[in-house]
Amino acid sequence: MIYHVTDKEAWEKALNVGYYADPSLEKEGFIQMSKENQVEGVLERYFKNRTNLVKLHVDETLLLSELRYDWSPSVQEEFPHVYGTINLNAVVKVDVLN
């Protein structure tokens, strides 16, 4: 399982269009994901004081787009990245964070 944090509006948009695409896909060429033990750090670094968030649980075996693990020099860890959109059936659970 891999995870992605986003806001509720972005997730609702995905439900309407039939797939999830984060703005990072266009800017960087991939959607930034996390392993379970990385989610807390991601929330602290990038989502501090933000509300209306959800955490997507993505079953990587169901992804239609390519999944790669890339090194992040800023935190000295490998992170999963999805190189394409996320098909909705790969999202097996959605947690409301706040």
PDB file of N, CA and C in Angstrom:
ATOM      1  N   MET A   1       0.845  -1.180   0.000  1.00  0.00           N
ATOM      2  CA  MET A   1       0.000   0.000   0.000  1.00  0.00           C
ATOM      3  C   MET A   1       0.888   1.239   0.000  1.00  0.00           C
ATOM      4  N   ILE A   2       0.488   2.225  -0.808  1.00  0.00           N
ATOM      5  CA  ILE A   2       1.140   3.529  -0.811  1.00  0.00           C
ATOM      6  C   ILE A   2       0.058   4.576  -0.569  1.00  0.00           C
ATOM      7  N   TYR A   3       0.474   5.790  -0.242  1.00  0.00           N
ATOM      8  CA  TYR A   3      -0.470   6.800   0.231  1.00  0.00           C
ATOM      9  C   TYR A   3      -0.225   8.137  -0.448  1.00  0.00           C
ATOM     10  N   HIS A   4      -1.292   8.920  -0.536  1.00  0.00           N
ATOM     11  CA  HIS A   4      -1.199  10.275  -1.088  1.00  0.00           C
ATOM     12  C   HIS A   4      -2.143  11.169  -0.298  1.00  0.00           C
ATOM     13  N   VAL A   5      -1.648  12.329   0.109  1.00  0.00           N
ATOM     14  CA  VAL A   5      -2.467  13.308   0.828  1.00  0.00           C
ATOM     15  C   VAL A   5      -2.864  14.397  -0.159  1.00  0.00           C
ATOM     16  N   THR A   6      -4.129  14.737  -0.129  1.00  0.00           N
ATOM     17  CA  THR A   6      -4.633  15.805  -0.982  1.00  0.00           C
ATOM     18  C   THR A   6      -5.820  16.462  -0.277  1.00  0.00           C
ATOM     19  N   ASP A   7      -6.406  17.471  -0.898  1.00  0.00           N
ATOM     20  CA  ASP A   7      -7.586  18.078  -0.278  1.00  0.00           C
ATOM     21  C   ASP A   7      -8.857  17.418  -0.811  1.00  0.00           C
ATOM     22  N   LYS A   8      -9.917  17.598  -0.064  1.00  0.00           N
ATOM     23  CA  LYS A   8     -11.191  16.956  -0.404  1.00  0.00           C
ATOM     24  C   LYS A   8     -11.680  17.370  -1.789  1.00  0.00           C
ATOM     25  N   GLU A   9     -11.468  18.636  -2.158  1.00  0.00           N
ATOM     26  CA  GLU A   9     -11.934  19.114  -3.459  1.00  0.00           C
ATOM     27  C   GLU A   9     -11.238  18.383  -4.599  1.00  0.00           C
ATOM     28  N   ALA A  10      -9.937  18.153  -4.467  1.00  0.00           N
ATOM     29  CA  ALA A  10      -9.197  17.430  -5.509  1.00  0.00           C
ATOM     30  C   ALA A  10      -9.699  15.998  -5.625  1.00  0.00           C
ATOM     31  N   TRP A  11     -10.013  15.373  -4.498  1.00  0.00           N
ATOM     32  CA  TRP A  11     -10.523  14.010  -4.533  1.00  0.00           C
ATOM     33  C   TRP A  11     -11.934  13.981  -5.158  1.00  0.00           C
ATOM     34  N   GLU A  12     -12.767  14.947  -4.810  1.00  0.00           N
ATOM     35  CA  GLU A  12     -14.106  15.013  -5.400  1.00  0.00           C
ATOM     36  C   GLU A  12     -14.029  15.226  -6.908  1.00  0.00           C
ATOM     37  N   LYS A  13     -13.083  16.046  -7.353  1.00  0.00           N
ATOM     38  CA  LYS A  13     -12.877  16.247  -8.790  1.00  0.00           C
ATOM     39  C   LYS A  13     -12.494  14.924  -9.449  1.00  0.00           C
ATOM     40  N   ALA A  14     -11.614  14.169  -8.807  1.00  0.00           N
ATOM     41  CA  ALA A  14     -11.199  12.869  -9.349  1.00  0.00           C
ATOM     42  C   ALA A  14     -12.399  11.944  -9.508  1.00  0.00           C
ATOM     43  N   LEU A  15     -13.273  11.942  -8.537  1.00  0.00           N
ATOM     44  CA  LEU A  15     -14.462  11.093  -8.616  1.00  0.00           C
ATOM     45  C   LEU A  15     -15.343  11.483  -9.797  1.00  0.00           C
ATOM     46  N   ASN A  16     -15.374  12.762 -10.108  1.00  0.00           N
ATOM     47  CA  ASN A  16     -16.190  13.248 -11.231  1.00  0.00           C
ATOM     48  C   ASN A  16     -15.564  12.950 -12.589  1.00  0.00           C
ATOM     49  N   VAL A  17     -14.227  13.028 -12.685  1.00  0.00           N
ATOM     50  CA  VAL A  17     -13.571  12.825 -13.989  1.00  0.00           C
ATOM     51  C   VAL A  17     -13.164  11.374 -14.226  1.00  0.00           C
ATOM     52  N   GLY A  18     -13.107  10.570 -13.164  1.00  0.00           N
ATOM     53  CA  GLY A  18     -12.821   9.155 -13.325  1.00  0.00           C
ATOM     54  C   GLY A  18     -11.383   8.736 -13.081  1.00  0.00           C
ATOM     55  N   TYR A  19     -10.536   9.670 -12.648  1.00  0.00           N
ATOM     56  CA  TYR A  19      -9.139   9.369 -12.302  1.00  0.00           C
ATOM     57  C   TYR A  19      -8.593  10.503 -11.449  1.00  0.00           C
ATOM     58  N   TYR A  20      -7.489  10.240 -10.745  1.00  0.00           N
ATOM     59  CA  TYR A  20      -6.868  11.280  -9.923  1.00  0.00           C
ATOM     60  C   TYR A  20      -5.589  11.756 -10.593  1.00  0.00           C
ATOM     61  N   ALA A  21      -5.441  13.070 -10.697  1.00  0.00           N
ATOM     62  CA  ALA A  21      -4.221  13.682 -11.239  1.00  0.00           C
ATOM     63  C   ALA A  21      -3.859  14.883 -10.378  1.00  0.00           C
ATOM     64  N   ASP A  22      -2.763  14.793  -9.670  1.00  0.00           N
ATOM     65  CA  ASP A  22      -2.272  15.890  -8.837  1.00  0.00           C
ATOM     66  C   ASP A  22      -1.574  16.916  -9.727  1.00  0.00           C
ATOM     67  N   PRO A  23      -1.559  18.209  -9.347  1.00  0.00           N
ATOM     68  CA  PRO A  23      -0.827  19.205 -10.137  1.00  0.00           C
ATOM     69  C   PRO A  23       0.651  18.855 -10.346  1.00  0.00           C
ATOM     70  N   SER A  24       1.234  18.089  -9.429  1.00  0.00           N
ATOM     71  CA  SER A  24       2.647  17.703  -9.585  1.00  0.00           C
ATOM     72  C   SER A  24       2.874  16.837 -10.825  1.00  0.00           C
ATOM     73  N   LEU A  25       1.835  16.167 -11.303  1.00  0.00           N
ATOM     74  CA  LEU A  25       1.977  15.336 -12.496  1.00  0.00           C
ATOM     75  C   LEU A  25       2.373  16.194 -13.693  1.00  0.00           C
ATOM     76  N   GLU A  26       1.734  17.341 -13.836  1.00  0.00           N
ATOM     77  CA  GLU A  26       2.065  18.247 -14.941  1.00  0.00           C
ATOM     78  C   GLU A  26       3.392  18.961 -14.700  1.00  0.00           C
ATOM     79  N   LYS A  27       3.640  19.381 -13.469  1.00  0.00           N
ATOM     80  CA  LYS A  27       4.854  20.140 -13.149  1.00  0.00           C
ATOM     81  C   LYS A  27       6.104  19.275 -13.114  1.00  0.00           C
ATOM     82  N   GLU A  28       6.002  18.080 -12.498  1.00  0.00           N
ATOM     83  CA  GLU A  28       7.182  17.249 -12.263  1.00  0.00           C
ATOM     84  C   GLU A  28       7.178  15.935 -13.045  1.00  0.00           C
ATOM     85  N   GLY A  29       6.026  15.579 -13.602  1.00  0.00           N
ATOM     86  CA  GLY A  29       5.932  14.346 -14.364  1.00  0.00           C
ATOM     87  C   GLY A  29       5.499  13.141 -13.558  1.00  0.00           C
ATOM     88  N   PHE A  30       5.164  13.349 -12.292  1.00  0.00           N
ATOM     89  CA  PHE A  30       4.721  12.240 -11.443  1.00  0.00           C
ATOM     90  C   PHE A  30       3.881  12.759 -10.286  1.00  0.00           C
ATOM     91  N   ILE A  31       3.160  11.835  -9.657  1.00  0.00           N
ATOM     92  CA  ILE A  31       2.390  12.143  -8.450  1.00  0.00           C
ATOM     93  C   ILE A  31       3.191  11.635  -7.268  1.00  0.00           C
ATOM     94  N   GLN A  32       3.436  12.509  -6.313  1.00  0.00           N
ATOM     95  CA  GLN A  32       4.217  12.147  -5.135  1.00  0.00           C
ATOM     96  C   GLN A  32       3.372  11.318  -4.180  1.00  0.00           C
ATOM     97  N   MET A  33       3.923  10.188  -3.800  1.00  0.00           N
ATOM     98  CA  MET A  33       3.259   9.258  -2.902  1.00  0.00           C
ATOM     99  C   MET A  33       4.152   9.056  -1.679  1.00  0.00           C
ATOM    100  N   SER A  34       3.661   8.293  -0.719  1.00  0.00           N
ATOM    101  CA  SER A  34       4.430   7.983   0.488  1.00  0.00           C
ATOM    102  C   SER A  34       4.206   6.541   0.888  1.00  0.00           C
ATOM    103  N   LYS A  35       5.206   5.996   1.547  1.00  0.00           N
ATOM    104  CA  LYS A  35       5.015   4.738   2.259  1.00  0.00           C
ATOM    105  C   LYS A  35       4.352   5.093   3.591  1.00  0.00           C
ATOM    106  N   GLU A  36       3.781   4.108   4.250  1.00  0.00           N
ATOM    107  CA  GLU A  36       3.038   4.381   5.481  1.00  0.00           C
ATOM    108  C   GLU A  36       3.864   5.148   6.513  1.00  0.00           C
ATOM    109  N   ASN A  37       5.115   4.760   6.696  1.00  0.00           N
ATOM    110  CA  ASN A  37       5.944   5.408   7.708  1.00  0.00           C
ATOM    111  C   ASN A  37       6.402   6.806   7.294  1.00  0.00           C
ATOM    112  N   GLN A  38       6.100   7.237   6.077  1.00  0.00           N
ATOM    113  CA  GLN A  38       6.501   8.568   5.604  1.00  0.00           C
ATOM    114  C   GLN A  38       5.363   9.589   5.655  1.00  0.00           C
ATOM    115  N   VAL A  39       4.146   9.131   5.838  1.00  0.00           N
ATOM    116  CA  VAL A  39       2.985  10.022   5.765  1.00  0.00           C
ATOM    117  C   VAL A  39       3.062  11.131   6.809  1.00  0.00           C
ATOM    118  N   GLU A  40       3.402  10.794   8.026  1.00  0.00           N
ATOM    119  CA  GLU A  40       3.451  11.808   9.089  1.00  0.00           C
ATOM    120  C   GLU A  40       4.434  12.928   8.746  1.00  0.00           C
ATOM    121  N   GLY A  41       5.596  12.583   8.244  1.00  0.00           N
ATOM    122  CA  GLY A  41       6.592  13.584   7.856  1.00  0.00           C
ATOM    123  C   GLY A  41       6.106  14.448   6.706  1.00  0.00           C
ATOM    124  N   VAL A  42       5.426  13.843   5.750  1.00  0.00           N
ATOM    125  CA  VAL A  42       4.869  14.599   4.621  1.00  0.00           C
ATOM    126  C   VAL A  42       3.827  15.592   5.123  1.00  0.00           C
ATOM    127  N   LEU A  43       2.970  15.143   6.022  1.00  0.00           N
ATOM    128  CA  LEU A  43       1.973  16.055   6.590  1.00  0.00           C
ATOM    129  C   LEU A  43       2.633  17.228   7.302  1.00  0.00           C
ATOM    130  N   GLU A  44       3.675  16.953   8.058  1.00  0.00           N
ATOM    131  CA  GLU A  44       4.376  18.002   8.804  1.00  0.00           C
ATOM    132  C   GLU A  44       5.094  18.982   7.868  1.00  0.00           C
ATOM    133  N   ARG A  45       5.742  18.462   6.826  1.00  0.00           N
ATOM    134  CA  ARG A  45       6.518  19.323   5.923  1.00  0.00           C
ATOM    135  C   ARG A  45       5.666  20.120   4.946  1.00  0.00           C
ATOM    136  N   TYR A  46       4.615  19.510   4.409  1.00  0.00           N
ATOM    137  CA  TYR A  46       3.905  20.130   3.286  1.00  0.00           C
ATOM    138  C   TYR A  46       2.454  20.520   3.561  1.00  0.00           C
ATOM    139  N   PHE A  47       1.871  20.021   4.646  1.00  0.00           N
ATOM    140  CA  PHE A  47       0.450  20.270   4.878  1.00  0.00           C
ATOM    141  C   PHE A  47       0.172  20.876   6.246  1.00  0.00           C
ATOM    142  N   LYS A  48       1.197  21.376   6.898  1.00  0.00           N
ATOM    143  CA  LYS A  48       1.041  21.948   8.232  1.00  0.00           C
ATOM    144  C   LYS A  48       0.021  23.083   8.197  1.00  0.00           C
ATOM    145  N   ASN A  49      -0.886  23.055   9.143  1.00  0.00           N
ATOM    146  CA  ASN A  49      -1.933  24.075   9.302  1.00  0.00           C
ATOM    147  C   ASN A  49      -2.951  24.083   8.168  1.00  0.00           C
ATOM    148  N   ARG A  50      -2.962  23.054   7.324  1.00  0.00           N
ATOM    149  CA  ARG A  50      -3.979  22.966   6.279  1.00  0.00           C
ATOM    150  C   ARG A  50      -5.119  22.089   6.763  1.00  0.00           C
ATOM    151  N   THR A  51      -6.300  22.398   6.309  1.00  0.00           N
ATOM    152  CA  THR A  51      -7.479  21.628   6.686  1.00  0.00           C
ATOM    153  C   THR A  51      -8.130  21.054   5.427  1.00  0.00           C
ATOM    154  N   ASN A  52      -9.183  20.273   5.643  1.00  0.00           N
ATOM    155  CA  ASN A  52      -9.948  19.716   4.538  1.00  0.00           C
ATOM    156  C   ASN A  52      -9.135  18.691   3.736  1.00  0.00           C
ATOM    157  N   LEU A  53      -8.332  17.900   4.435  1.00  0.00           N
ATOM    158  CA  LEU A  53      -7.437  16.943   3.787  1.00  0.00           C
ATOM    159  C   LEU A  53      -7.967  15.515   3.852  1.00  0.00           C
ATOM    160  N   VAL A  54      -7.566  14.736   2.859  1.00  0.00           N
ATOM    161  CA  VAL A  54      -7.847  13.306   2.844  1.00  0.00           C
ATOM    162  C   VAL A  54      -6.556  12.558   2.532  1.00  0.00           C
ATOM    163  N   LYS A  55      -6.506  11.320   3.011  1.00  0.00           N
ATOM    164  CA  LYS A  55      -5.373  10.439   2.708  1.00  0.00           C
ATOM    165  C   LYS A  55      -5.894   9.288   1.868  1.00  0.00           C
ATOM    166  N   LEU A  56      -5.345   9.164   0.664  1.00  0.00           N
ATOM    167  CA  LEU A  56      -5.737   8.086  -0.238  1.00  0.00           C
ATOM    168  C   LEU A  56      -4.857   6.874   0.017  1.00  0.00           C
ATOM    169  N   HIS A  57      -5.491   5.720   0.190  1.00  0.00           N
ATOM    170  CA  HIS A  57      -4.777   4.444   0.312  1.00  0.00           C
ATOM    171  C   HIS A  57      -4.798   3.825  -1.084  1.00  0.00           C
ATOM    172  N   VAL A  58      -3.646   3.670  -1.674  1.00  0.00           N
ATOM    173  CA  VAL A  58      -3.560   3.192  -3.050  1.00  0.00           C
ATOM    174  C   VAL A  58      -2.888   1.821  -3.076  1.00  0.00           C
ATOM    175  N   ASP A  59      -3.593   0.851  -3.619  1.00  0.00           N
ATOM    176  CA  ASP A  59      -3.044  -0.492  -3.788  1.00  0.00           C
ATOM    177  C   ASP A  59      -2.186  -0.472  -5.047  1.00  0.00           C
ATOM    178  N   GLU A  60      -0.890  -0.510  -4.866  1.00  0.00           N
ATOM    179  CA  GLU A  60       0.015  -0.359  -6.006  1.00  0.00           C
ATOM    180  C   GLU A  60      -0.115  -1.488  -7.023  1.00  0.00           C
ATOM    181  N   THR A  61      -0.641  -2.631  -6.606  1.00  0.00           N
ATOM    182  CA  THR A  61      -0.817  -3.735  -7.555  1.00  0.00           C
ATOM    183  C   THR A  61      -1.964  -3.472  -8.527  1.00  0.00           C
ATOM    184  N   LEU A  62      -2.821  -2.497  -8.214  1.00  0.00           N
ATOM    185  CA  LEU A  62      -3.956  -2.164  -9.081  1.00  0.00           C
ATOM    186  C   LEU A  62      -3.692  -0.957  -9.981  1.00  0.00           C
ATOM    187  N   LEU A  63      -2.561  -0.282  -9.784  1.00  0.00           N
ATOM    188  CA  LEU A  63      -2.239   0.903 -10.581  1.00  0.00           C
ATOM    189  C   LEU A  63      -2.043   0.545 -12.045  1.00  0.00           C
ATOM    190  N   LEU A  64      -2.589   1.376 -12.918  1.00  0.00           N
ATOM    191  CA  LEU A  64      -2.361   1.217 -14.348  1.00  0.00           C
ATOM    192  C   LEU A  64      -1.147   2.020 -14.808  1.00  0.00           C
ATOM    193  N   SER A  65      -0.815   3.089 -14.098  1.00  0.00           N
ATOM    194  CA  SER A  65       0.358   3.904 -14.414  1.00  0.00           C
ATOM    195  C   SER A  65       1.601   3.317 -13.758  1.00  0.00           C
ATOM    196  N   GLU A  66       2.749   3.722 -14.262  1.00  0.00           N
ATOM    197  CA  GLU A  66       4.024   3.220 -13.744  1.00  0.00           C
ATOM    198  C   GLU A  66       4.296   3.746 -12.334  1.00  0.00           C
ATOM    199  N   LEU A  67       4.790   2.867 -11.485  1.00  0.00           N
ATOM    200  CA  LEU A  67       5.207   3.221 -10.129  1.00  0.00           C
ATOM    201  C   LEU A  67       6.718   3.035 -10.038  1.00  0.00           C
ATOM    202  N   ARG A  68       7.393   4.076  -9.555  1.00  0.00           N
ATOM    203  CA  ARG A  68       8.839   4.001  -9.339  1.00  0.00           C
ATOM    204  C   ARG A  68       9.154   4.551  -7.949  1.00  0.00           C
ATOM    205  N   TYR A  69      10.230   4.040  -7.385  1.00  0.00           N
ATOM    206  CA  TYR A  69      10.732   4.570  -6.122  1.00  0.00           C
ATOM    207  C   TYR A  69      11.957   5.413  -6.449  1.00  0.00           C
ATOM    208  N   ASP A  70      11.877   6.700  -6.100  1.00  0.00           N
ATOM    209  CA  ASP A  70      12.940   7.651  -6.408  1.00  0.00           C
ATOM    210  C   ASP A  70      13.526   8.223  -5.128  1.00  0.00           C
ATOM    211  N   TRP A  71      14.812   8.507  -5.184  1.00  0.00           N
ATOM    212  CA  TRP A  71      15.530   9.077  -4.049  1.00  0.00           C
ATOM    213  C   TRP A  71      15.195  10.553  -3.895  1.00  0.00           C
ATOM    214  N   SER A  72      14.897  10.958  -2.671  1.00  0.00           N
ATOM    215  CA  SER A  72      14.650  12.362  -2.350  1.00  0.00           C
ATOM    216  C   SER A  72      15.822  12.875  -1.526  1.00  0.00           C
ATOM    217  N   PRO A  73      16.701  13.656  -2.155  1.00  0.00           N
ATOM    218  CA  PRO A  73      17.874  14.133  -1.427  1.00  0.00           C
ATOM    219  C   PRO A  73      17.539  15.041  -0.236  1.00  0.00           C
ATOM    220  N   SER A  74      16.395  15.743  -0.295  1.00  0.00           N
ATOM    221  CA  SER A  74      16.059  16.680   0.785  1.00  0.00           C
ATOM    222  C   SER A  74      15.787  15.973   2.104  1.00  0.00           C
ATOM    223  N   VAL A  75      15.288  14.743   2.053  1.00  0.00           N
ATOM    224  CA  VAL A  75      15.010  14.006   3.286  1.00  0.00           C
ATOM    225  C   VAL A  75      15.779  12.682   3.362  1.00  0.00           C
ATOM    226  N   GLN A  76      16.597  12.430   2.342  1.00  0.00           N
ATOM    227  CA  GLN A  76      17.449  11.234   2.328  1.00  0.00           C
ATOM    228  C   GLN A  76      16.652   9.935   2.441  1.00  0.00           C
ATOM    229  N   GLU A  77      15.583   9.845   1.635  1.00  0.00           N
ATOM    230  CA  GLU A  77      14.729   8.656   1.619  1.00  0.00           C
ATOM    231  C   GLU A  77      14.243   8.401   0.203  1.00  0.00           C
ATOM    232  N   GLU A  78      13.872   7.159  -0.057  1.00  0.00           N
ATOM    233  CA  GLU A  78      13.192   6.815  -1.298  1.00  0.00           C
ATOM    234  C   GLU A  78      11.697   6.980  -1.110  1.00  0.00           C
ATOM    235  N   PHE A  79      11.061   7.602  -2.089  1.00  0.00           N
ATOM    236  CA  PHE A  79       9.611   7.782  -2.060  1.00  0.00           C
ATOM    237  C   PHE A  79       8.998   7.164  -3.308  1.00  0.00           C
ATOM    238  N   PRO A  80       7.801   6.598  -3.174  1.00  0.00           N
ATOM    239  CA  PRO A  80       7.106   6.107  -4.357  1.00  0.00           C
ATOM    240  C   PRO A  80       6.536   7.276  -5.163  1.00  0.00           C
ATOM    241  N   HIS A  81       6.626   7.168  -6.477  1.00  0.00           N
ATOM    242  CA  HIS A  81       6.065   8.168  -7.392  1.00  0.00           C
ATOM    243  C   HIS A  81       5.279   7.447  -8.470  1.00  0.00           C
ATOM    244  N   VAL A  82       4.099   7.962  -8.784  1.00  0.00           N
ATOM    245  CA  VAL A  82       3.270   7.401  -9.844  1.00  0.00           C
ATOM    246  C   VAL A  82       3.445   8.289 -11.075  1.00  0.00           C
ATOM    247  N   TYR A  83       3.936   7.687 -12.152  1.00  0.00           N
ATOM    248  CA  TYR A  83       4.203   8.405 -13.397  1.00  0.00           C
ATOM    249  C   TYR A  83       2.993   8.298 -14.325  1.00  0.00           C
ATOM    250  N   GLY A  84       1.950   9.004 -13.956  1.00  0.00           N
ATOM    251  CA  GLY A  84       0.695   9.020 -14.693  1.00  0.00           C
ATOM    252  C   GLY A  84      -0.448   9.247 -13.719  1.00  0.00           C
ATOM    253  N   THR A  85      -1.652   9.144 -14.221  1.00  0.00           N
ATOM    254  CA  THR A  85      -2.816   9.336 -13.357  1.00  0.00           C
ATOM    255  C   THR A  85      -3.045   8.088 -12.508  1.00  0.00           C
ATOM    256  N   ILE A  86      -3.832   8.261 -11.470  1.00  0.00           N
ATOM    257  CA  ILE A  86      -4.190   7.143 -10.596  1.00  0.00           C
ATOM    258  C   ILE A  86      -5.624   6.731 -10.926  1.00  0.00           C
ATOM    259  N   ASN A  87      -5.760   5.487 -11.383  1.00  0.00           N
ATOM    260  CA  ASN A  87      -7.097   4.954 -11.655  1.00  0.00           C
ATOM    261  C   ASN A  87      -7.837   4.775 -10.331  1.00  0.00           C
ATOM    262  N   LEU A  88      -9.111   5.109 -10.334  1.00  0.00           N
ATOM    263  CA  LEU A  88      -9.888   5.150  -9.094  1.00  0.00           C
ATOM    264  C   LEU A  88     -10.006   3.800  -8.404  1.00  0.00           C
ATOM    265  N   ASN A  89     -10.015   2.711  -9.155  1.00  0.00           N
ATOM    266  CA  ASN A  89     -10.153   1.416  -8.496  1.00  0.00           C
ATOM    267  C   ASN A  89      -8.898   1.027  -7.722  1.00  0.00           C
ATOM    268  N   ALA A  90      -7.802   1.731  -7.933  1.00  0.00           N
ATOM    269  CA  ALA A  90      -6.579   1.478  -7.146  1.00  0.00           C
ATOM    270  C   ALA A  90      -6.667   2.148  -5.773  1.00  0.00           C
ATOM    271  N   VAL A  91      -7.568   3.114  -5.620  1.00  0.00           N
ATOM    272  CA  VAL A  91      -7.761   3.789  -4.335  1.00  0.00           C
ATOM    273  C   VAL A  91      -8.761   2.954  -3.540  1.00  0.00           C
ATOM    274  N   VAL A  92      -8.242   2.216  -2.571  1.00  0.00           N
ATOM    275  CA  VAL A  92      -9.071   1.240  -1.857  1.00  0.00           C
ATOM    276  C   VAL A  92      -9.667   1.787  -0.566  1.00  0.00           C
ATOM    277  N   LYS A  93      -9.185   2.952  -0.127  1.00  0.00           N
ATOM    278  CA  LYS A  93      -9.710   3.558   1.097  1.00  0.00           C
ATOM    279  C   LYS A  93      -9.346   5.040   1.080  1.00  0.00           C
ATOM    280  N   VAL A  94     -10.218   5.855   1.669  1.00  0.00           N
ATOM    281  CA  VAL A  94      -9.971   7.293   1.802  1.00  0.00           C
ATOM    282  C   VAL A  94     -10.250   7.684   3.245  1.00  0.00           C
ATOM    283  N   ASP A  95      -9.222   8.222   3.902  1.00  0.00           N
ATOM    284  CA  ASP A  95      -9.367   8.710   5.279  1.00  0.00           C
ATOM    285  C   ASP A  95      -9.518  10.218   5.278  1.00  0.00           C
ATOM    286  N   VAL A  96     -10.497  10.734   6.004  1.00  0.00           N
ATOM    287  CA  VAL A  96     -10.613  12.169   6.227  1.00  0.00           C
ATOM    288  C   VAL A  96      -9.666  12.505   7.374  1.00  0.00           C
ATOM    289  N   LEU A  97      -8.744  13.442   7.136  1.00  0.00           N
ATOM    290  CA  LEU A  97      -7.735  13.759   8.145  1.00  0.00           C
ATOM    291  C   LEU A  97      -8.149  14.861   9.095  1.00  0.00           C
ATOM    292  N   ASN A  98      -8.958  15.785   8.658  1.00  0.00           N
ATOM    293  CA  ASN A  98      -9.386  16.875   9.552  1.00  0.00           C
ATOM    294  C   ASN A  98     -10.601  17.559   8.991  1.00  0.00           C
TER     295      ASN A  98
END
